[in-house]
Amino acid sequence: MDNVQFRVSLSLHLMPLLTRLKYNMQLKNELLHNLRQSYQVAFDMAFSLSSMIKEHFGYELNEDEISYLAIYFNSALEAHEEHAGTKRMLIISSLKRSETLLLREKIKSWFANTLSELVIEDIYHLEHVDVSTFDVICTTEKNKFYENNLAILISQFPKEEDYRAIKMMLDGFNNKEQFEALFTEANFYIGKPMKQEQVIKQLCKLSTKDTLSCKQLYEEVMKRETMGGTYFGNAIAMPHPMYPITENTLIAVALLEKEIPWDTYGNMVQLILLVSVEKNNPKAYKIWSYLTEMIHDEKLIEAILKEPSYQNFKKQISAFLDKTNFA
């Protein structure tokens, strides 16, 4: 709410939007599918706003118009994160000081507003450095820090995969094991196809401990489904509640023997991930960044569907995280 630019921009968008709604002239957005895949948190915020518009004015927005609202919310979310500026990052490198200039500039260009301090130091000069005070530790060589899983390996000329790995570390997960731990065998279903509502109910049962929690989660997830599809492409759906309602972040997975119809748009799904983000933890929302990385990898999804088992799922997820340098 303290982002004045966001409030003004959104207001300027809403004024003509209300006029279009009045005369039933809603816009199309060719990037709808990509936006829905990439900006899930912003999309949910936009859906929430669309509900308020419907309640107050009586107009129902289509997903194309909602996707335009999501762009504004995503920009505001990114601006909020960029101004945090509280993270400390250490890069261990044997490069000469002159050779680290490009490395330093590249990292700064990526995370200038996120990092409060960036230190580049040779491994032999770390004896007087308290490495535990750094939020992220990277290394340009395979040394003892890398071998003991204390640092992530990056190139001395950082590439896109290095950016993703560093961003994951800044977003809250300390290692890939923490992320993998969200996918438990107890929350895993493999079996015959069933209707959408049955799949969601089954996953709610797996992920909650009591009947009351299951009922509440199911109702909230189904409310979100009525507001807009949760199909993400690649035969994947990720149903979730509109608002955080669980004490812990939960993921339940269903791998069906064949595809089932998921929504009124004719989308077919075979892999369903029920996601419930925990309450009172803004960082928990970053799980969507990791899940988005996964569903965009067609080879990963193909390998998962080819051998539908929990063991293969964990194997493929682990390999994927290694490939993205999340280790």
Foldseek 3Di string as FASTA:
>chain_A
DPPVVLVVVLVVVVVVVVVCQVVVNADADPCLLVLCLAQVLLLLVLLVVQVVCCVPPVGHHDSRNSSVSSVSSVVVVVVVQLQQADAEEEEAEPDDPVLLPQVVVVVCVLRVSNHVYYYYYHPVPCPPPDPVRGLAYAYCDDDPCVVVLNHFHAHSNGDPLNSLQVVVSSLPDSFVVVVLVLEDPLLEAEEADDAQLVVLLSNLVSFDDDPVSSVVFSVQQVVVCVSDFQDNDLQEGETEGSDADAQAKHKHKYAHLDWDQHDPVRRTHGIYIYIHFHPPDPSSVCVSVVVSLQVVDNVLSVQCNVDPDSVSNSVSSVVVCVVSRRD
